[in-house]
Amino acid sequence: MSMDEMKEPVCQVSFDIDGKHVEALLWNWPFKDGDEVQTVVEPAPSGDYIGFAVLDPKDQVIVLYPHVSAGGKAHWKGVRKFAALVIGGLNILILAFFLAIYILVEDVEYKTAIVGALGGGAGILVIFGWISYNIGNRFTPFIEMAEPIFTLLGWKDVKNIDLRKTTKAKKKPTDPPAMGDSYFRY
């Protein structure tokens, strides 16, 4: 993967809360000067703080470090759902391909078409299952950040939190397009 493929828009922000300077790398910055916000921070060696999440409890909006949006169970549930859709769709195409061969080619037996479709389907399952697992596993560091952040915020059942799904359910017609992508409702 080249560095060009890894570029993502992020916001590097700095602000002061209660006289303490905070530096944060966040997905977005939906707040304005004067908004009352809460932060999840940790001390930096310089004496300042590093921010990982900023939220507005009044509007119930949160912005986090990039890719931090779900607990472990919610993340893997999403990976399984996406993998099932891709694998299912490709298996339907393989079945249609071998069915077409059986119908259109006179020398192909029914048993051969079934074996081809099942073999192709099993191959798709193994290959795309492995690819899905590896892609999903790349997000493990973000899950390991998300769950402690959610716990510090006092949220329950942190492993099952999916901010994208929650935002989709709570999205207002006036919300900007970035809502649910780079910052969330909770």
N, C-alpha and C. Protein backbone atom coordinates (compact mmCIF):
# COMPACT_ATOMS: atom_id res chain seq x y z
N MET A 1 0.85 -1.16 0.00
CA MET A 1 0.00 0.00 0.00
C MET A 1 0.90 1.24 0.00
N SER A 2 0.64 2.16 -0.90
CA SER A 2 1.46 3.36 -0.98
C SER A 2 0.97 4.40 0.03
N MET A 3 1.82 5.38 0.29
CA MET A 3 1.45 6.45 1.22
C MET A 3 0.28 7.27 0.67
N ASP A 4 0.16 7.37 -0.66
CA ASP A 4 -0.96 8.10 -1.24
C ASP A 4 -2.29 7.47 -0.88
N GLU A 5 -2.31 6.14 -0.75
CA GLU A 5 -3.54 5.44 -0.41
C GLU A 5 -3.90 5.59 1.07
N MET A 6 -2.95 6.01 1.86
CA MET A 6 -3.17 6.08 3.30
C MET A 6 -3.54 7.49 3.77
N LYS A 7 -3.64 8.44 2.86
CA LYS A 7 -3.97 9.81 3.25
C LYS A 7 -5.44 9.90 3.65
N GLU A 8 -5.67 10.52 4.78
CA GLU A 8 -7.04 10.73 5.24
C GLU A 8 -7.15 12.14 5.77
N PRO A 9 -8.28 12.78 5.53
CA PRO A 9 -8.45 14.11 6.10
C PRO A 9 -8.66 14.01 7.62
N VAL A 10 -7.83 14.68 8.37
CA VAL A 10 -7.98 14.74 9.82
C VAL A 10 -7.79 16.18 10.26
N CYS A 11 -8.19 16.45 11.47
CA CYS A 11 -8.03 17.80 12.03
C CYS A 11 -7.05 17.72 13.20
N GLN A 12 -6.00 18.50 13.10
CA GLN A 12 -5.11 18.63 14.25
C GLN A 12 -5.56 19.90 14.97
N VAL A 13 -6.05 19.72 16.17
CA VAL A 13 -6.61 20.85 16.91
C VAL A 13 -5.86 21.05 18.22
N SER A 14 -5.87 22.27 18.68
CA SER A 14 -5.33 22.57 20.00
C SER A 14 -6.29 23.56 20.66
N PHE A 15 -6.51 23.34 21.93
CA PHE A 15 -7.45 24.19 22.68
C PHE A 15 -7.09 24.11 24.15
N ASP A 16 -7.66 24.99 24.92
CA ASP A 16 -7.45 25.02 26.36
C ASP A 16 -8.76 24.74 27.06
N ILE A 17 -8.69 23.86 28.05
CA ILE A 17 -9.85 23.56 28.89
C ILE A 17 -9.39 23.70 30.34
N ASP A 18 -10.08 24.55 31.07
CA ASP A 18 -9.74 24.81 32.48
C ASP A 18 -8.26 25.13 32.65
N GLY A 19 -7.71 25.92 31.73
CA GLY A 19 -6.31 26.33 31.82
C GLY A 19 -5.31 25.27 31.42
N LYS A 20 -5.79 24.15 30.92
CA LYS A 20 -4.89 23.07 30.49
C LYS A 20 -4.89 23.01 28.97
N HIS A 21 -3.69 22.99 28.38
CA HIS A 21 -3.56 22.96 26.93
C HIS A 21 -3.72 21.52 26.42
N VAL A 22 -4.54 21.34 25.40
CA VAL A 22 -4.81 20.02 24.82
C VAL A 22 -4.49 20.06 23.33
N GLU A 23 -3.74 19.06 22.88
CA GLU A 23 -3.47 18.84 21.45
C GLU A 23 -4.17 17.54 21.07
N ALA A 24 -4.86 17.55 19.94
CA ALA A 24 -5.58 16.34 19.54
C ALA A 24 -5.57 16.19 18.02
N LEU A 25 -5.53 14.95 17.59
CA LEU A 25 -5.68 14.60 16.18
C LEU A 25 -7.03 13.91 16.08
N LEU A 26 -7.98 14.58 15.45
CA LEU A 26 -9.36 14.08 15.40
C LEU A 26 -9.84 14.00 13.96
N TRP A 27 -10.91 13.24 13.76
CA TRP A 27 -11.46 13.06 12.43
C TRP A 27 -12.09 14.33 11.88
N ASN A 28 -12.59 15.17 12.75
CA ASN A 28 -13.31 16.36 12.32
C ASN A 28 -13.32 17.34 13.48
N TRP A 29 -13.84 18.52 13.27
CA TRP A 29 -14.01 19.48 14.37
C TRP A 29 -15.34 20.21 14.16
N PRO A 30 -16.43 19.63 14.66
CA PRO A 30 -17.76 20.23 14.45
C PRO A 30 -18.12 21.33 15.45
N PHE A 31 -17.20 21.68 16.33
CA PHE A 31 -17.51 22.62 17.40
C PHE A 31 -17.07 24.04 17.04
N LYS A 32 -17.65 25.01 17.77
CA LYS A 32 -17.31 26.42 17.58
C LYS A 32 -16.71 26.96 18.87
N ASP A 33 -16.00 28.08 18.75
CA ASP A 33 -15.48 28.74 19.95
C ASP A 33 -16.63 29.04 20.89
N GLY A 34 -16.43 28.73 22.16
CA GLY A 34 -17.45 28.99 23.16
C GLY A 34 -18.33 27.80 23.46
N ASP A 35 -18.31 26.75 22.63
CA ASP A 35 -19.09 25.54 22.92
C ASP A 35 -18.55 24.90 24.20
N GLU A 36 -19.46 24.41 25.03
CA GLU A 36 -19.04 23.69 26.23
C GLU A 36 -18.88 22.23 25.85
N VAL A 37 -17.65 21.73 26.00
CA VAL A 37 -17.34 20.36 25.61
C VAL A 37 -16.64 19.64 26.75
N GLN A 38 -16.65 18.32 26.65
CA GLN A 38 -15.87 17.46 27.54
C GLN A 38 -14.82 16.77 26.67
N THR A 39 -13.73 16.38 27.30
CA THR A 39 -12.68 15.71 26.53
C THR A 39 -12.20 14.47 27.25
N VAL A 40 -11.66 13.55 26.47
CA VAL A 40 -10.95 12.40 27.01
C VAL A 40 -9.49 12.63 26.63
N VAL A 41 -8.65 12.80 27.65
CA VAL A 41 -7.24 13.15 27.41
C VAL A 41 -6.34 12.27 28.27
N GLU A 42 -5.04 12.32 27.93
CA GLU A 42 -4.04 11.74 28.81
C GLU A 42 -2.86 12.71 28.85
N PRO A 43 -2.13 12.72 29.96
CA PRO A 43 -1.01 13.66 30.07
C PRO A 43 0.09 13.33 29.06
N ALA A 44 0.68 14.39 28.51
CA ALA A 44 1.82 14.25 27.61
C ALA A 44 3.10 14.54 28.40
N PRO A 45 4.24 14.04 27.93
CA PRO A 45 5.51 14.30 28.64
C PRO A 45 5.80 15.80 28.81
N SER A 46 5.28 16.63 27.92
CA SER A 46 5.53 18.08 27.97
C SER A 46 4.75 18.78 29.08
N GLY A 47 3.82 18.07 29.70
CA GLY A 47 2.96 18.69 30.70
C GLY A 47 1.61 19.09 30.14
N ASP A 48 1.49 19.12 28.81
CA ASP A 48 0.20 19.36 28.16
C ASP A 48 -0.59 18.06 28.16
N TYR A 49 -1.67 18.04 27.40
CA TYR A 49 -2.50 16.84 27.31
C TYR A 49 -2.71 16.45 25.85
N ILE A 50 -2.87 15.15 25.63
CA ILE A 50 -3.20 14.63 24.31
C ILE A 50 -4.67 14.24 24.35
N GLY A 51 -5.44 14.77 23.41
CA GLY A 51 -6.87 14.48 23.38
C GLY A 51 -7.20 13.35 22.42
N PHE A 52 -8.14 12.50 22.82
CA PHE A 52 -8.57 11.38 21.99
C PHE A 52 -10.04 11.48 21.60
N ALA A 53 -10.80 12.26 22.36
CA ALA A 53 -12.22 12.43 22.05
C ALA A 53 -12.68 13.76 22.63
N VAL A 54 -13.57 14.41 21.91
CA VAL A 54 -14.20 15.65 22.38
C VAL A 54 -15.70 15.49 22.13
N LEU A 55 -16.50 15.79 23.15
CA LEU A 55 -17.93 15.63 22.99
C LEU A 55 -18.69 16.81 23.56
N ASP A 56 -19.84 17.04 22.99
CA ASP A 56 -20.77 18.07 23.45
C ASP A 56 -21.96 17.34 24.06
N PRO A 57 -22.02 17.26 25.40
CA PRO A 57 -23.10 16.50 26.04
C PRO A 57 -24.49 17.08 25.76
N LYS A 58 -24.57 18.39 25.53
CA LYS A 58 -25.87 19.02 25.27
C LYS A 58 -26.45 18.53 23.94
N ASP A 59 -25.64 18.57 22.89
CA ASP A 59 -26.10 18.13 21.56
C ASP A 59 -25.87 16.64 21.33
N GLN A 60 -25.20 15.98 22.26
CA GLN A 60 -24.83 14.57 22.15
C GLN A 60 -24.09 14.28 20.85
N VAL A 61 -23.03 15.05 20.63
CA VAL A 61 -22.16 14.89 19.46
C VAL A 61 -20.76 14.59 19.97
N ILE A 62 -20.09 13.64 19.34
CA ILE A 62 -18.73 13.27 19.72
C ILE A 62 -17.85 13.15 18.48
N VAL A 63 -16.61 13.59 18.62
CA VAL A 63 -15.61 13.40 17.58
C VAL A 63 -14.42 12.72 18.25
N LEU A 64 -13.84 11.74 17.55
CA LEU A 64 -12.78 10.94 18.13
C LEU A 64 -11.57 10.87 17.21
N TYR A 65 -10.53 10.26 17.74
CA TYR A 65 -9.35 9.94 16.95
C TYR A 65 -9.82 9.11 15.74
N PRO A 66 -9.19 9.27 14.57
CA PRO A 66 -9.65 8.55 13.37
C PRO A 66 -9.82 7.04 13.57
N HIS A 67 -10.89 6.52 13.04
CA HIS A 67 -11.27 5.10 13.03
C HIS A 67 -11.74 4.58 14.38
N VAL A 68 -11.81 5.42 15.39
CA VAL A 68 -12.33 5.00 16.69
C VAL A 68 -13.83 5.27 16.66
N SER A 69 -14.61 4.21 16.47
CA SER A 69 -16.06 4.40 16.39
C SER A 69 -16.86 3.19 16.87
N ALA A 70 -16.19 2.11 17.25
CA ALA A 70 -16.95 0.92 17.64
C ALA A 70 -16.16 0.07 18.63
N GLY A 71 -16.91 -0.64 19.47
CA GLY A 71 -16.32 -1.63 20.35
C GLY A 71 -16.05 -2.92 19.57
N GLY A 72 -15.38 -3.85 20.20
CA GLY A 72 -14.95 -5.08 19.54
C GLY A 72 -16.07 -5.92 18.94
N LYS A 73 -17.10 -6.21 19.72
CA LYS A 73 -18.19 -7.05 19.21
C LYS A 73 -18.92 -6.36 18.06
N ALA A 74 -19.15 -5.06 18.20
CA ALA A 74 -19.84 -4.32 17.13
C ALA A 74 -19.00 -4.30 15.86
N HIS A 75 -17.69 -4.11 16.02
CA HIS A 75 -16.80 -4.08 14.85
C HIS A 75 -16.84 -5.41 14.11
N TRP A 76 -16.65 -6.51 14.84
CA TRP A 76 -16.60 -7.81 14.18
C TRP A 76 -17.97 -8.21 13.62
N LYS A 77 -19.04 -7.75 14.24
CA LYS A 77 -20.37 -7.98 13.68
C LYS A 77 -20.49 -7.30 12.32
N GLY A 78 -19.99 -6.07 12.21
CA GLY A 78 -19.99 -5.35 10.94
C GLY A 78 -19.13 -6.02 9.89
N VAL A 79 -17.96 -6.53 10.31
CA VAL A 79 -17.07 -7.24 9.37
C VAL A 79 -17.77 -8.49 8.86
N ARG A 80 -18.39 -9.25 9.77
CA ARG A 80 -19.10 -10.47 9.35
C ARG A 80 -20.25 -10.15 8.39
N LYS A 81 -20.98 -9.08 8.67
CA LYS A 81 -22.10 -8.70 7.81
C LYS A 81 -21.60 -8.33 6.41
N PHE A 82 -20.56 -7.51 6.34
CA PHE A 82 -20.00 -7.11 5.05
C PHE A 82 -19.46 -8.33 4.30
N ALA A 83 -18.73 -9.20 5.01
CA ALA A 83 -18.18 -10.41 4.38
C ALA A 83 -19.30 -11.30 3.86
N ALA A 84 -20.37 -11.45 4.64
CA ALA A 84 -21.49 -12.30 4.21
C ALA A 84 -22.14 -11.75 2.94
N LEU A 85 -22.28 -10.43 2.86
CA LEU A 85 -22.86 -9.83 1.66
C LEU A 85 -21.98 -10.05 0.43
N VAL A 86 -20.68 -9.84 0.59
CA VAL A 86 -19.76 -10.02 -0.54
C VAL A 86 -19.69 -11.49 -0.94
N ILE A 87 -19.50 -12.36 0.04
CA ILE A 87 -19.39 -13.80 -0.25
C ILE A 87 -20.70 -14.33 -0.83
N GLY A 88 -21.83 -13.93 -0.25
CA GLY A 88 -23.13 -14.37 -0.77
C GLY A 88 -23.35 -13.90 -2.20
N GLY A 89 -23.04 -12.63 -2.47
CA GLY A 89 -23.21 -12.10 -3.83
C GLY A 89 -22.33 -12.82 -4.84
N LEU A 90 -21.07 -13.05 -4.47
CA LEU A 90 -20.17 -13.75 -5.39
C LEU A 90 -20.59 -15.20 -5.59
N ASN A 91 -21.08 -15.84 -4.53
CA ASN A 91 -21.55 -17.22 -4.68
C ASN A 91 -22.78 -17.31 -5.58
N ILE A 92 -23.65 -16.32 -5.53
CA ILE A 92 -24.80 -16.29 -6.44
C ILE A 92 -24.31 -16.17 -7.88
N LEU A 93 -23.31 -15.32 -8.11
CA LEU A 93 -22.75 -15.18 -9.46
C LEU A 93 -22.11 -16.49 -9.94
N ILE A 94 -21.40 -17.17 -9.06
CA ILE A 94 -20.77 -18.45 -9.43
C ILE A 94 -21.84 -19.49 -9.74
N LEU A 95 -22.88 -19.54 -8.92
CA LEU A 95 -23.97 -20.48 -9.17
C LEU A 95 -24.63 -20.18 -10.51
N ALA A 96 -24.88 -18.90 -10.79
CA ALA A 96 -25.48 -18.51 -12.08
C ALA A 96 -24.57 -18.89 -13.24
N PHE A 97 -23.26 -18.70 -13.07
CA PHE A 97 -22.29 -19.04 -14.11
C PHE A 97 -22.35 -20.54 -14.43
N PHE A 98 -22.29 -21.38 -13.39
CA PHE A 98 -22.31 -22.82 -13.64
C PHE A 98 -23.68 -23.31 -14.11
N LEU A 99 -24.74 -22.66 -13.69
CA LEU A 99 -26.07 -23.00 -14.19
C LEU A 99 -26.16 -22.66 -15.68
N ALA A 100 -25.62 -21.50 -16.06
CA ALA A 100 -25.61 -21.12 -17.48
C ALA A 100 -24.79 -22.10 -18.30
N ILE A 101 -23.65 -22.52 -17.77
CA ILE A 101 -22.83 -23.51 -18.49
C ILE A 101 -23.61 -24.80 -18.66
N TYR A 102 -24.29 -25.26 -17.61
CA TYR A 102 -25.06 -26.50 -17.68
C TYR A 102 -26.17 -26.39 -18.73
N ILE A 103 -26.83 -25.24 -18.78
CA ILE A 103 -27.94 -25.06 -19.71
C ILE A 103 -27.45 -24.87 -21.14
N LEU A 104 -26.39 -24.10 -21.33
CA LEU A 104 -25.96 -23.72 -22.68
C LEU A 104 -24.98 -24.69 -23.34
N VAL A 105 -24.26 -25.46 -22.56
CA VAL A 105 -23.29 -26.39 -23.14
C VAL A 105 -23.84 -27.81 -23.01
N GLU A 106 -23.94 -28.49 -24.14
CA GLU A 106 -24.59 -29.80 -24.16
C GLU A 106 -23.79 -30.89 -23.45
N ASP A 107 -22.47 -30.81 -23.46
CA ASP A 107 -21.64 -31.89 -22.93
C ASP A 107 -21.43 -31.82 -21.42
N VAL A 108 -22.01 -30.85 -20.75
CA VAL A 108 -21.78 -30.69 -19.31
C VAL A 108 -22.90 -31.39 -18.55
N GLU A 109 -22.48 -32.29 -17.63
CA GLU A 109 -23.45 -33.00 -16.81
C GLU A 109 -23.88 -32.14 -15.62
N TYR A 110 -25.04 -32.46 -15.09
CA TYR A 110 -25.58 -31.74 -13.94
C TYR A 110 -24.63 -31.85 -12.75
N LYS A 111 -24.10 -33.05 -12.52
CA LYS A 111 -23.20 -33.29 -11.40
C LYS A 111 -21.94 -32.42 -11.52
N THR A 112 -21.41 -32.27 -12.72
CA THR A 112 -20.22 -31.45 -12.94
C THR A 112 -20.50 -29.99 -12.62
N ALA A 113 -21.66 -29.50 -13.04
CA ALA A 113 -22.03 -28.11 -12.76
C ALA A 113 -22.18 -27.88 -11.26
N ILE A 114 -22.78 -28.83 -10.55
CA ILE A 114 -22.97 -28.70 -9.10
C ILE A 114 -21.62 -28.72 -8.39
N VAL A 115 -20.75 -29.65 -8.78
CA VAL A 115 -19.41 -29.73 -8.16
C VAL A 115 -18.63 -28.44 -8.42
N GLY A 116 -18.72 -27.91 -9.63
CA GLY A 116 -18.04 -26.65 -9.96
C GLY A 116 -18.56 -25.49 -9.13
N ALA A 117 -19.89 -25.41 -9.00
CA ALA A 117 -20.49 -24.33 -8.23
C ALA A 117 -20.13 -24.44 -6.75
N LEU A 118 -20.19 -25.66 -6.20
CA LEU A 118 -19.84 -25.85 -4.79
C LEU A 118 -18.36 -25.59 -4.53
N GLY A 119 -17.51 -26.08 -5.44
CA GLY A 119 -16.07 -25.83 -5.31
C GLY A 119 -15.74 -24.35 -5.41
N GLY A 120 -16.34 -23.69 -6.40
CA GLY A 120 -16.13 -22.24 -6.54
C GLY A 120 -16.64 -21.48 -5.34
N GLY A 121 -17.81 -21.88 -4.84
CA GLY A 121 -18.38 -21.23 -3.66
C GLY A 121 -17.50 -21.41 -2.43
N ALA A 122 -16.97 -22.62 -2.26
CA ALA A 122 -16.08 -22.88 -1.12
C ALA A 122 -14.80 -22.05 -1.25
N GLY A 123 -14.29 -21.96 -2.47
CA GLY A 123 -13.09 -21.15 -2.71
C GLY A 123 -13.34 -19.68 -2.38
N ILE A 124 -14.48 -19.17 -2.81
CA ILE A 124 -14.85 -17.77 -2.52
C ILE A 124 -14.96 -17.58 -1.01
N LEU A 125 -15.59 -18.52 -0.33
CA LEU A 125 -15.76 -18.43 1.12
C LEU A 125 -14.40 -18.35 1.82
N VAL A 126 -13.49 -19.23 1.45
CA VAL A 126 -12.17 -19.25 2.08
C VAL A 126 -11.38 -17.97 1.77
N ILE A 127 -11.32 -17.61 0.50
CA ILE A 127 -10.51 -16.45 0.10
C ILE A 127 -11.07 -15.16 0.69
N PHE A 128 -12.36 -14.90 0.51
CA PHE A 128 -12.92 -13.64 0.98
C PHE A 128 -13.13 -13.64 2.49
N GLY A 129 -13.30 -14.81 3.09
CA GLY A 129 -13.33 -14.88 4.55
C GLY A 129 -11.99 -14.48 5.14
N TRP A 130 -10.92 -14.97 4.54
CA TRP A 130 -9.56 -14.63 5.00
C TRP A 130 -9.27 -13.15 4.79
N ILE A 131 -9.64 -12.62 3.61
CA ILE A 131 -9.43 -11.20 3.32
C ILE A 131 -10.22 -10.34 4.32
N SER A 132 -11.46 -10.69 4.58
CA SER A 132 -12.30 -9.92 5.52
C SER A 132 -11.70 -9.93 6.92
N TYR A 133 -11.23 -11.10 7.34
CA TYR A 133 -10.61 -11.20 8.67
C TYR A 133 -9.38 -10.30 8.76
N ASN A 134 -8.53 -10.34 7.74
CA ASN A 134 -7.31 -9.53 7.77
C ASN A 134 -7.61 -8.03 7.75
N ILE A 135 -8.57 -7.62 6.94
CA ILE A 135 -8.94 -6.20 6.91
C ILE A 135 -9.55 -5.81 8.26
N GLY A 136 -10.44 -6.62 8.78
CA GLY A 136 -11.04 -6.34 10.09
C GLY A 136 -10.01 -6.28 11.20
N ASN A 137 -9.00 -7.13 11.11
CA ASN A 137 -7.96 -7.18 12.13
C ASN A 137 -7.09 -5.92 12.13
N ARG A 138 -7.01 -5.23 11.00
CA ARG A 138 -6.23 -3.99 10.93
C ARG A 138 -6.82 -2.91 11.84
N PHE A 139 -8.07 -3.05 12.20
CA PHE A 139 -8.73 -2.04 13.03
C PHE A 139 -8.65 -2.36 14.53
N THR A 140 -7.97 -3.43 14.90
CA THR A 140 -7.84 -3.81 16.30
C THR A 140 -7.27 -2.69 17.17
N PRO A 141 -6.22 -1.97 16.74
CA PRO A 141 -5.72 -0.88 17.60
C PRO A 141 -6.78 0.19 17.89
N PHE A 142 -7.68 0.41 16.95
CA PHE A 142 -8.71 1.42 17.16
C PHE A 142 -9.79 0.92 18.12
N ILE A 143 -10.05 -0.38 18.09
CA ILE A 143 -10.98 -0.98 19.05
C ILE A 143 -10.37 -0.88 20.44
N GLU A 144 -9.06 -1.14 20.52
CA GLU A 144 -8.38 -1.07 21.82
C GLU A 144 -8.35 0.35 22.36
N MET A 145 -8.48 1.35 21.50
CA MET A 145 -8.62 2.74 21.95
C MET A 145 -10.07 3.05 22.30
N ALA A 146 -11.00 2.54 21.50
CA ALA A 146 -12.42 2.89 21.65
C ALA A 146 -12.99 2.43 22.98
N GLU A 147 -12.75 1.19 23.34
CA GLU A 147 -13.39 0.65 24.53
C GLU A 147 -13.01 1.40 25.81
N PRO A 148 -11.72 1.73 26.04
CA PRO A 148 -11.41 2.53 27.23
C PRO A 148 -12.00 3.95 27.18
N ILE A 149 -12.05 4.54 25.99
CA ILE A 149 -12.66 5.87 25.86
C ILE A 149 -14.14 5.79 26.23
N PHE A 150 -14.84 4.81 25.68
CA PHE A 150 -16.27 4.65 25.99
C PHE A 150 -16.48 4.39 27.48
N THR A 151 -15.58 3.60 28.09
CA THR A 151 -15.67 3.32 29.52
C THR A 151 -15.48 4.59 30.34
N LEU A 152 -14.47 5.40 29.98
CA LEU A 152 -14.23 6.67 30.69
C LEU A 152 -15.42 7.61 30.59
N LEU A 153 -16.16 7.53 29.50
CA LEU A 153 -17.34 8.37 29.33
C LEU A 153 -18.54 7.85 30.12
N GLY A 154 -18.38 6.67 30.75
CA GLY A 154 -19.45 6.11 31.56
C GLY A 154 -20.49 5.35 30.76
N TRP A 155 -20.17 5.03 29.51
CA TRP A 155 -21.11 4.32 28.67
C TRP A 155 -21.13 2.84 29.04
N LYS A 156 -22.26 2.21 28.91
CA LYS A 156 -22.43 0.79 29.24
C LYS A 156 -22.24 -0.08 28.00
N ASP A 157 -21.91 -1.33 28.23
CA ASP A 157 -21.78 -2.32 27.16
C ASP A 157 -20.87 -1.82 26.03
N VAL A 158 -19.66 -1.39 26.39
CA VAL A 158 -18.76 -0.73 25.44
C VAL A 158 -18.37 -1.62 24.26
N LYS A 159 -18.37 -2.92 24.43
CA LYS A 159 -17.99 -3.82 23.33
C LYS A 159 -19.02 -3.80 22.20
N ASN A 160 -20.26 -3.47 22.52
CA ASN A 160 -21.33 -3.48 21.52
C ASN A 160 -21.67 -2.09 20.98
N ILE A 161 -20.93 -1.08 21.36
CA ILE A 161 -21.21 0.28 20.87
C ILE A 161 -20.75 0.40 19.43
N ASP A 162 -21.64 0.89 18.58
CA ASP A 162 -21.33 1.18 17.18
C ASP A 162 -21.84 2.59 16.91
N LEU A 163 -20.94 3.58 16.95
CA LEU A 163 -21.36 4.97 16.81
C LEU A 163 -21.94 5.27 15.43
N ARG A 164 -21.49 4.55 14.40
CA ARG A 164 -22.07 4.77 13.07
C ARG A 164 -23.54 4.36 13.07
N LYS A 165 -23.83 3.22 13.66
CA LYS A 165 -25.21 2.72 13.72
C LYS A 165 -26.07 3.63 14.61
N THR A 166 -25.53 4.04 15.75
CA THR A 166 -26.26 4.93 16.65
C THR A 166 -26.58 6.25 15.96
N THR A 167 -25.59 6.80 15.25
CA THR A 167 -25.79 8.07 14.55
C THR A 167 -26.85 7.93 13.47
N LYS A 168 -26.83 6.82 12.76
CA LYS A 168 -27.82 6.59 11.71
C LYS A 168 -29.24 6.62 12.30
N ALA A 169 -29.39 6.04 13.48
CA ALA A 169 -30.70 6.01 14.13
C ALA A 169 -31.11 7.38 14.68
N LYS A 170 -30.14 8.21 15.06
CA LYS A 170 -30.44 9.50 15.69
C LYS A 170 -30.20 10.69 14.78
N LYS A 171 -29.89 10.45 13.52
CA LYS A 171 -29.54 11.55 12.61
C LYS A 171 -30.75 12.45 12.38
N LYS A 172 -30.47 13.75 12.37
CA LYS A 172 -31.51 14.75 12.14
C LYS A 172 -31.43 15.22 10.69
N PRO A 173 -32.52 15.68 10.11
CA PRO A 173 -32.49 16.15 8.72
C PRO A 173 -31.52 17.31 8.50
N THR A 174 -31.24 18.07 9.54
CA THR A 174 -30.34 19.22 9.41
C THR A 174 -28.87 18.86 9.60
N ASP A 175 -28.58 17.61 9.94
CA ASP A 175 -27.19 17.20 10.16
C ASP A 175 -26.40 17.25 8.86
N PRO A 176 -25.14 17.69 8.93
CA PRO A 176 -24.31 17.72 7.72
C PRO A 176 -23.92 16.32 7.28
N PRO A 177 -23.45 16.16 6.03
CA PRO A 177 -23.08 14.84 5.52
C PRO A 177 -22.00 14.13 6.34
N ALA A 178 -21.10 14.88 6.96
CA ALA A 178 -20.03 14.25 7.74
C ALA A 178 -20.53 13.58 9.01
N MET A 179 -21.73 13.93 9.45
CA MET A 179 -22.30 13.30 10.64
C MET A 179 -22.52 11.82 10.37
N GLY A 180 -21.91 10.99 11.19
CA GLY A 180 -22.01 9.54 11.00
C GLY A 180 -20.82 8.97 10.26
N ASP A 181 -19.98 9.86 9.74
CA ASP A 181 -18.78 9.41 9.03
C ASP A 181 -17.53 9.81 9.81
N SER A 182 -17.40 11.08 10.14
CA SER A 182 -16.21 11.54 10.85
C SER A 182 -16.52 12.13 12.23
N TYR A 183 -17.77 12.28 12.57
CA TYR A 183 -18.19 12.55 13.94
C TYR A 183 -19.60 12.01 14.10
N PHE A 184 -20.02 11.85 15.36
CA PHE A 184 -21.17 10.99 15.61
C PHE A 184 -22.12 11.57 16.65
N ARG A 185 -23.35 11.05 16.62
CA ARG A 185 -24.31 11.27 17.70
C ARG A 185 -24.25 10.05 18.60
N TYR A 186 -24.52 10.26 19.88
CA TYR A 186 -24.53 9.12 20.81
C TYR A 186 -25.77 9.15 21.67
